Amino acid sequence: MNRPETPKPSRSPALTRRGTLQRLGATALATALPLNFSGPLHAQARPATITTSLSWIPNHQFAGMWVAMEKGYFTDAALKVEWRPGGPNTPNPAERVSSGEVGLGQISGFRGLLDAINKGNDLVVIASRFQRGPGGLMSLAKAPIREPKDILGKRLILPSPVDVRTIETVLRMNKLPAAPNSFTYVPGGFDPAPLLDGQGDAMLVFETNQPLALEDKGMVKNKDFFFRSFDELGFPSYSNVLFGTRKWVADNRDALVRYLRAEIRGWTENEANPAYGAKLAVDKYGAEFNLDLKRETRANILQVPYLHSDDTKANGLFWVNKNRINGPIYDALRAGGMDKLPEVEKYVDMSLLRDAYKR
């Protein structure tokens, strides 16, 4: 979904690799469009192989995919799924798809995808796992950021100068001053220690990562520390967007419909039992990255709400709303300096997901 944790080096990454929680899962399942999962998914389907690149290392972000693999849902759909890990020092997913290395790409947000389209790559979006990104700002109680205006005058620990643009975009989207002196950029990484040491007032984090370190110290969200996602601050986006080249999507349409159906089944089960999907990531699919089971389980619980939105209540999981892209998402990208924005109708195709739910 993001840059949720710094992976530990792997010598040879494998390539073929919640009462409250239950109520949450039950409510979500009741409001999502139903899929009839009884029996084989496609008894007469033609066997196919789907090769996909992950947007990050094989961790909790892909828990539903791991469940679908482990329980044989892709096999039931006559599919063989092969995957490539993402992370530092790996090609951008859009590059992997455009070059033909993989068919199905998974990318964290829209900007990198649109950059590839603007370079002439004929790419098509068919789904998005998460309805918003988990990135945002974490602050401490002594100088909390609860709403956009609280950013003004703060010292912000950001990983790179590129992230300065993100903060400026948030301010512009809320009609607040976005001049260089509106806040202070403090170079830093993703370790929350500098924030705790007072080197800054807030830092860019991912809800599924750095806040967990503060929880481990006994700190309580909305009391000792605060997190606000960029979506809550006025900079919306999708995350873990699924896409392919137009030709590949057309040539593999039936297989992709089966893929979507099988993976959604995996995510539905993961929501009911996040501990299982996290354990699969730690013990099997991401074993060589030395993931922590407690952290992965907590992160998997925290990411479940990101699967849902008003759009998914009406249309089912993985839905992409073209009007949302053409409206607030494009508005934010323009505010961030991106002027060339392709026509949404030309690269977003929800017909495969519709077919997956019809079946």
Protein backbone atom coordinates (compact mmCIF):
# COMPACT_ATOMS: atom_id res chain seq x y z
CA MET A 1 0.00 0.00 0.00
CA ASN A 2 2.84 2.22 0.67
CA ARG A 3 6.16 2.36 2.41
CA PRO A 4 4.92 0.84 5.66
CA GLU A 5 8.13 -0.59 6.96
CA THR A 6 11.77 -0.80 6.05
CA PRO A 7 12.32 -4.35 4.87
CA LYS A 8 15.30 -6.32 5.98
CA PRO A 9 17.54 -7.52 3.18
CA SER A 10 16.65 -10.84 1.65
CA ARG A 11 19.19 -13.12 0.06
CA SER A 12 16.71 -14.62 -2.34
CA PRO A 13 13.08 -13.40 -2.14
CA ALA A 14 10.67 -16.16 -3.00
CA LEU A 15 8.67 -15.46 -6.07
CA THR A 16 5.88 -17.99 -5.51
CA ARG A 17 5.06 -16.94 -2.17
CA ARG A 18 -10.28 -9.67 15.11
CA GLY A 19 -15.65 -9.69 19.60
CA THR A 20 -15.01 -5.98 18.01
CA LEU A 21 -13.14 -7.23 15.04
CA GLN A 22 -15.69 -9.92 14.29
CA ARG A 23 -18.50 -7.39 14.48
CA LEU A 24 -16.60 -5.13 12.10
CA GLY A 25 -16.14 -7.96 9.68
CA ALA A 26 -19.75 -9.06 9.93
CA THR A 27 -21.02 -5.54 9.30
CA ALA A 28 -18.75 -5.05 6.31
CA LEU A 29 -19.68 -8.39 4.81
CA ALA A 30 -23.36 -7.63 5.20
CA THR A 31 -23.07 -4.30 3.38
CA ALA A 32 -20.84 -5.45 0.52
CA LEU A 33 -22.31 -6.88 -2.64
CA PRO A 34 -22.62 -10.64 -2.15
CA LEU A 35 -20.64 -13.23 -4.04
CA ASN A 36 -21.86 -16.80 -4.07
CA PHE A 37 -18.72 -18.69 -3.13
CA SER A 38 -20.19 -22.18 -2.91
CA GLY A 39 -18.51 -24.80 -5.03
CA PRO A 40 -15.77 -24.39 -7.66
CA LEU A 41 -15.54 -20.88 -8.98
CA HIS A 42 -15.32 -21.82 -12.62
CA ALA A 43 -15.60 -25.52 -13.34
CA GLN A 44 -15.27 -25.08 -17.11
CA ALA A 45 -12.70 -22.28 -17.12
CA ARG A 46 -9.64 -22.42 -19.33
CA PRO A 47 -6.45 -22.62 -17.23
CA ALA A 48 -4.37 -19.45 -17.21
CA THR A 49 -1.36 -17.92 -15.49
CA ILE A 50 -1.47 -14.43 -13.97
CA THR A 51 1.93 -12.88 -13.24
CA THR A 52 1.80 -9.85 -10.96
CA SER A 53 4.20 -7.42 -9.28
CA LEU A 54 3.56 -6.30 -5.72
CA SER A 55 3.66 -2.62 -4.83
CA TRP A 56 5.83 -3.42 -1.77
CA ILE A 57 7.44 -6.32 0.05
CA PRO A 58 5.19 -9.37 0.67
CA ASN A 59 3.62 -8.32 3.97
CA HIS A 60 0.14 -7.69 5.44
CA GLN A 61 -0.80 -5.39 2.54
CA PHE A 62 -1.46 -8.46 0.42
CA ALA A 63 -3.07 -10.62 3.13
CA GLY A 64 -6.22 -11.31 1.12
CA MET A 65 -4.11 -12.46 -1.79
CA TRP A 66 -2.16 -14.80 0.51
CA VAL A 67 -5.44 -16.25 1.86
CA ALA A 68 -6.70 -16.83 -1.66
CA MET A 69 -3.46 -18.57 -2.58
CA GLU A 70 -3.27 -20.65 0.57
CA LYS A 71 -6.89 -21.84 0.43
CA GLY A 72 -6.76 -22.67 -3.24
CA TYR A 73 -9.23 -20.06 -4.47
CA PHE A 74 -7.07 -19.21 -7.47
CA THR A 75 -6.69 -22.90 -8.19
CA ASP A 76 -10.49 -23.29 -8.00
CA ALA A 77 -10.64 -20.57 -10.66
CA ALA A 78 -8.23 -22.52 -12.90
CA LEU A 79 -5.52 -19.94 -12.29
CA LYS A 80 -1.85 -20.15 -11.50
CA VAL A 81 -0.69 -16.91 -9.83
CA GLU A 82 2.97 -15.94 -9.82
CA TRP A 83 4.20 -12.79 -8.11
CA ARG A 84 7.25 -10.56 -7.89
CA PRO A 85 8.07 -8.65 -4.70
CA GLY A 86 8.31 -4.88 -4.69
CA GLY A 87 10.18 -2.58 -2.35
CA PRO A 88 13.46 -0.70 -2.47
CA ASN A 89 15.69 -1.33 -5.44
CA THR A 90 12.92 -2.93 -7.51
CA PRO A 91 11.45 -1.48 -10.72
CA ASN A 92 8.34 0.66 -10.55
CA PRO A 93 5.24 -1.58 -11.10
CA ALA A 94 4.22 0.54 -14.10
CA GLU A 95 7.63 -0.13 -15.66
CA ARG A 96 7.30 -3.87 -15.04
CA VAL A 97 3.89 -3.95 -16.71
CA SER A 98 4.85 -1.73 -19.62
CA SER A 99 7.96 -3.80 -20.31
CA GLY A 100 5.99 -7.06 -20.30
CA GLU A 101 7.81 -8.51 -17.28
CA VAL A 102 4.44 -8.99 -15.58
CA GLY A 103 0.85 -8.71 -16.73
CA LEU A 104 -0.92 -7.38 -13.65
CA GLY A 105 0.57 -4.39 -11.86
CA GLN A 106 -0.14 -3.23 -8.32
CA ILE A 107 0.79 0.37 -7.54
CA SER A 108 0.51 2.46 -4.38
CA GLY A 109 -1.18 5.54 -5.84
CA PHE A 110 -2.26 7.26 -9.01
CA ARG A 111 0.55 9.69 -9.71
CA GLY A 112 3.12 7.09 -10.77
CA LEU A 113 0.51 5.38 -12.93
CA LEU A 114 -0.52 8.61 -14.63
CA ASP A 115 3.11 9.52 -15.24
CA ALA A 116 3.50 6.22 -17.11
CA ILE A 117 0.33 6.85 -19.14
CA ASN A 118 1.52 10.33 -20.04
CA LYS A 119 4.71 8.76 -21.40
CA GLY A 120 2.66 6.82 -23.92
CA ASN A 121 2.00 3.57 -22.07
CA ASP A 122 -1.51 2.28 -22.80
CA LEU A 123 -2.50 1.18 -19.29
CA VAL A 124 -5.93 0.27 -17.91
CA VAL A 125 -7.07 0.29 -14.26
CA ILE A 126 -9.39 -2.60 -13.39
CA ALA A 127 -9.67 -2.35 -9.57
CA SER A 128 -8.21 -0.91 -6.37
CA ARG A 129 -7.89 -2.89 -3.15
CA PHE A 130 -7.83 0.11 -0.85
CA GLN A 131 -10.22 3.05 -1.13
CA ARG A 132 -7.70 5.48 0.33
CA GLY A 133 -4.05 5.49 1.22
CA PRO A 134 -2.75 4.94 4.76
CA GLY A 135 -0.21 7.77 4.58
CA GLY A 136 -0.63 10.87 6.70
CA LEU A 137 0.75 12.95 9.54
CA MET A 138 1.45 11.73 13.08
CA SER A 139 1.86 14.31 15.85
CA LEU A 140 2.18 14.33 19.63
CA ALA A 141 -0.28 15.75 22.16
CA LYS A 142 1.94 18.76 22.89
CA ALA A 143 1.54 20.05 19.31
CA PRO A 144 -1.30 18.07 17.70
CA ILE A 145 -2.32 18.19 14.07
CA ARG A 146 -6.04 17.37 13.94
CA GLU A 147 -7.01 19.41 10.88
CA PRO A 148 -5.20 21.07 7.98
CA LYS A 149 -4.85 24.52 9.58
CA ASP A 150 -2.86 22.92 12.40
CA ILE A 151 -0.03 22.28 9.92
CA LEU A 152 0.77 25.99 9.71
CA GLY A 153 3.93 26.89 11.59
CA LYS A 154 4.77 23.29 12.44
CA ARG A 155 8.10 21.52 11.97
CA LEU A 156 7.40 18.49 9.79
CA ILE A 157 9.75 15.52 9.57
CA LEU A 158 9.50 14.33 5.97
CA PRO A 159 11.42 11.59 4.13
CA SER A 160 12.25 13.67 1.06
CA PRO A 161 11.73 17.06 -0.61
CA VAL A 162 9.06 15.39 -2.77
CA ASP A 163 6.94 15.04 0.37
CA VAL A 164 7.10 18.81 0.83
CA ARG A 165 4.94 19.01 -2.28
CA THR A 166 2.41 16.69 -0.63
CA ILE A 167 2.09 19.01 2.36
CA GLU A 168 1.83 22.05 0.10
CA THR A 169 -0.93 20.26 -1.82
CA VAL A 170 -2.86 19.63 1.42
CA LEU A 171 -2.62 23.33 2.27
CA ARG A 172 -3.72 24.44 -1.21
CA MET A 173 -6.65 21.99 -1.18
CA ASN A 174 -7.82 23.67 2.03
CA LYS A 175 -7.19 27.19 0.74
CA LEU A 176 -4.41 27.74 3.26
CA PRO A 177 -1.06 29.49 2.66
CA ALA A 178 1.36 27.10 0.99
CA ALA A 179 4.39 29.39 0.91
CA PRO A 180 7.80 27.93 1.89
CA ASN A 181 7.52 29.54 5.35
CA SER A 182 4.06 28.03 6.06
CA PHE A 183 5.82 25.11 7.74
CA THR A 184 9.37 23.95 8.31
CA TYR A 185 10.73 20.94 6.45
CA VAL A 186 12.88 18.73 8.66
CA PRO A 187 14.66 16.00 6.67
CA GLY A 188 14.16 12.57 8.20
CA GLY A 189 13.17 8.99 7.58
CA PHE A 190 10.41 6.77 8.91
CA ASP A 191 11.79 6.13 12.41
CA PRO A 192 9.57 7.96 14.95
CA ALA A 193 12.50 8.53 17.34
CA PRO A 194 13.23 12.09 16.06
CA LEU A 195 9.57 13.01 16.68
CA LEU A 196 9.74 11.63 20.21
CA ASP A 197 13.04 13.46 20.73
CA GLY A 198 11.44 16.79 19.79
CA GLN A 199 13.23 17.34 16.49
CA GLY A 200 9.87 18.02 14.86
CA ASP A 201 6.20 18.56 15.70
CA ALA A 202 4.84 15.92 13.31
CA MET A 203 6.07 13.44 10.75
CA LEU A 204 4.87 11.69 7.63
CA VAL A 205 3.94 8.10 8.52
CA PHE A 206 1.71 5.24 7.51
CA GLU A 207 -1.04 4.28 9.94
CA THR A 208 -0.09 0.63 9.61
CA ASN A 209 3.53 1.20 10.66
CA GLN A 210 4.98 4.00 12.80
CA PRO A 211 1.95 4.49 15.11
CA LEU A 212 2.43 0.86 16.14
CA ALA A 213 5.84 1.76 17.57
CA LEU A 214 4.18 4.37 19.77
CA GLU A 215 1.50 1.87 20.82
CA ASP A 216 4.29 -0.50 21.83
CA LYS A 217 5.51 2.22 24.20
CA GLY A 218 2.07 2.37 25.84
CA MET A 219 1.01 5.55 24.05
CA VAL A 220 -2.67 5.92 23.15
CA LYS A 221 -3.98 7.28 19.86
CA ASN A 222 -6.02 10.50 20.15
CA LYS A 223 -4.60 11.02 23.64
CA ASP A 224 -0.82 10.77 23.54
CA PHE A 225 -0.49 10.99 19.77
CA PHE A 226 -2.64 11.80 16.77
CA PHE A 227 -2.79 10.46 13.22
CA ARG A 228 -4.63 12.06 10.33
CA SER A 229 -4.51 10.47 6.90
CA PHE A 230 -3.93 12.64 3.87
CA ASP A 231 -7.44 11.67 2.76
CA GLU A 232 -8.82 13.15 6.02
CA LEU A 233 -6.65 16.23 5.43
CA GLY A 234 -8.10 16.78 1.95
CA PHE A 235 -5.68 14.91 -0.32
CA PRO A 236 -7.56 11.77 -1.48
CA SER A 237 -6.21 8.81 -3.39
CA TYR A 238 -6.64 5.11 -4.00
CA SER A 239 -3.99 2.57 -2.98
CA ASN A 240 -2.90 -0.79 -4.33
CA VAL A 241 -4.42 -0.07 -7.71
CA LEU A 242 -4.58 -3.05 -10.09
CA PHE A 243 -3.80 -2.39 -13.75
CA GLY A 244 -2.39 -3.83 -16.96
CA THR A 245 -1.76 -2.86 -20.55
CA ARG A 246 -4.93 -2.51 -22.59
CA LYS A 247 -3.98 -5.40 -24.87
CA TRP A 248 -3.07 -7.74 -22.02
CA VAL A 249 -6.30 -6.95 -20.16
CA ALA A 250 -8.34 -7.62 -23.31
CA ASP A 251 -6.47 -10.84 -24.08
CA ASN A 252 -6.86 -12.12 -20.51
CA ARG A 253 -10.28 -10.72 -19.65
CA ASP A 254 -11.94 -13.94 -18.52
CA ALA A 255 -8.93 -14.97 -16.44
CA LEU A 256 -8.82 -11.53 -14.80
CA VAL A 257 -12.52 -11.72 -13.92
CA ARG A 258 -11.80 -15.04 -12.23
CA TYR A 259 -8.74 -13.55 -10.54
CA LEU A 260 -10.72 -10.66 -9.09
CA ARG A 261 -13.43 -12.99 -7.83
CA ALA A 262 -10.93 -15.31 -6.14
CA GLU A 263 -8.92 -12.51 -4.53
CA ILE A 264 -12.03 -10.74 -3.25
CA ARG A 265 -12.98 -14.04 -1.64
CA GLY A 266 -9.58 -14.06 0.05
CA TRP A 267 -9.98 -10.49 1.31
CA THR A 268 -13.47 -11.25 2.63
CA GLU A 269 -12.06 -14.10 4.70
CA ASN A 270 -9.05 -12.04 5.77
CA GLU A 271 -11.37 -9.38 7.15
CA ALA A 272 -13.11 -11.96 9.33
CA ASN A 273 -9.78 -13.36 10.58
CA PRO A 274 -6.84 -10.91 10.14
CA ALA A 275 -4.56 -13.01 12.33
CA TYR A 276 -4.54 -15.76 9.70
CA GLY A 277 -3.54 -13.52 6.80
CA ALA A 278 -0.83 -11.88 8.90
CA LYS A 279 0.58 -15.26 9.88
CA LEU A 280 0.73 -16.31 6.24
CA ALA A 281 2.75 -13.17 5.46
CA VAL A 282 5.15 -13.75 8.36
CA ASP A 283 5.62 -17.51 8.15
CA LYS A 284 5.42 -18.15 4.42
CA TYR A 285 5.04 -15.51 1.76
CA GLY A 286 7.25 -12.88 3.41
CA ALA A 287 9.30 -15.23 5.57
CA GLU A 288 12.65 -14.01 4.26
CA PHE A 289 11.88 -10.44 5.31
CA ASN A 290 11.83 -11.26 9.05
CA LEU A 291 8.40 -9.71 9.65
CA ASP A 292 7.05 -9.41 13.20
CA LEU A 293 3.80 -11.34 13.75
CA LYS A 294 2.37 -8.94 16.35
CA ARG A 295 3.03 -5.93 14.14
CA GLU A 296 1.71 -7.61 10.99
CA THR A 297 -1.48 -8.71 12.76
CA ARG A 298 -2.11 -5.22 14.14
CA ALA A 299 -1.36 -3.66 10.75
CA ASN A 300 -3.74 -6.08 9.05
CA ILE A 301 -6.49 -5.10 11.51
CA LEU A 302 -5.83 -1.41 10.91
CA GLN A 303 -5.94 -1.72 7.13
CA VAL A 304 -9.35 -3.44 6.99
CA PRO A 305 -11.35 -0.16 7.09
CA TYR A 306 -9.33 1.04 4.11
CA LEU A 307 -11.05 -1.64 2.03
CA HIS A 308 -14.40 0.07 2.49
CA SER A 309 -16.16 3.24 1.35
CA ASP A 310 -19.62 4.35 0.28
CA ASP A 311 -18.67 3.13 -3.18
CA THR A 312 -17.88 -0.39 -1.98
CA LYS A 313 -21.16 -0.51 -0.05
CA ALA A 314 -22.95 0.13 -3.33
CA ASN A 315 -20.73 -1.79 -5.73
CA GLY A 316 -18.54 -4.23 -3.81
CA LEU A 317 -14.89 -4.39 -2.78
CA PHE A 318 -12.12 -3.08 -5.02
CA TRP A 319 -14.37 -0.45 -6.63
CA VAL A 320 -12.92 2.61 -8.38
CA ASN A 321 -15.21 5.64 -8.72
CA LYS A 322 -14.42 7.56 -11.89
CA ASN A 323 -16.15 10.69 -10.58
CA ARG A 324 -13.92 10.63 -7.50
CA ILE A 325 -10.84 10.50 -9.71
CA ASN A 326 -12.13 13.19 -12.05
CA GLY A 327 -13.10 15.34 -9.08
CA PRO A 328 -11.15 15.52 -5.80
CA ILE A 329 -8.25 13.26 -6.80
CA TYR A 330 -7.54 15.22 -9.97
CA ASP A 331 -8.07 18.50 -8.07
CA ALA A 332 -5.38 17.42 -5.61
CA LEU A 333 -2.98 16.36 -8.35
CA ARG A 334 -3.42 19.72 -10.07
CA ALA A 335 -2.82 21.49 -6.76
CA GLY A 336 0.39 19.46 -6.55
CA GLY A 337 1.57 20.72 -9.93
CA MET A 338 0.43 17.92 -12.24
CA ASP A 339 -1.24 19.57 -15.22
CA LYS A 340 -1.41 16.73 -17.76
CA LEU A 341 -4.19 14.44 -16.58
CA PRO A 342 -5.56 11.81 -18.98
CA GLU A 343 -9.29 11.37 -19.56
CA VAL A 344 -10.54 9.00 -16.87
CA GLU A 345 -12.89 7.10 -19.19
CA LYS A 346 -9.93 6.10 -21.32
CA TYR A 347 -8.02 4.20 -18.66
CA VAL A 348 -10.48 3.08 -15.94
CA ASP A 349 -12.53 -0.03 -16.78
CA MET A 350 -14.89 -1.37 -14.09
CA SER A 351 -16.56 -3.88 -16.39
CA LEU A 352 -14.33 -6.75 -15.29
CA LEU A 353 -15.20 -6.17 -11.65
CA ARG A 354 -18.89 -5.98 -12.58
CA ASP A 355 -18.56 -9.32 -14.34
CA ALA A 356 -16.83 -10.81 -11.30
CA TYR A 357 -19.80 -9.86 -9.11
CA LYS A 358 -22.36 -11.06 -11.69
CA ARG A 359 -20.82 -14.50 -11.65
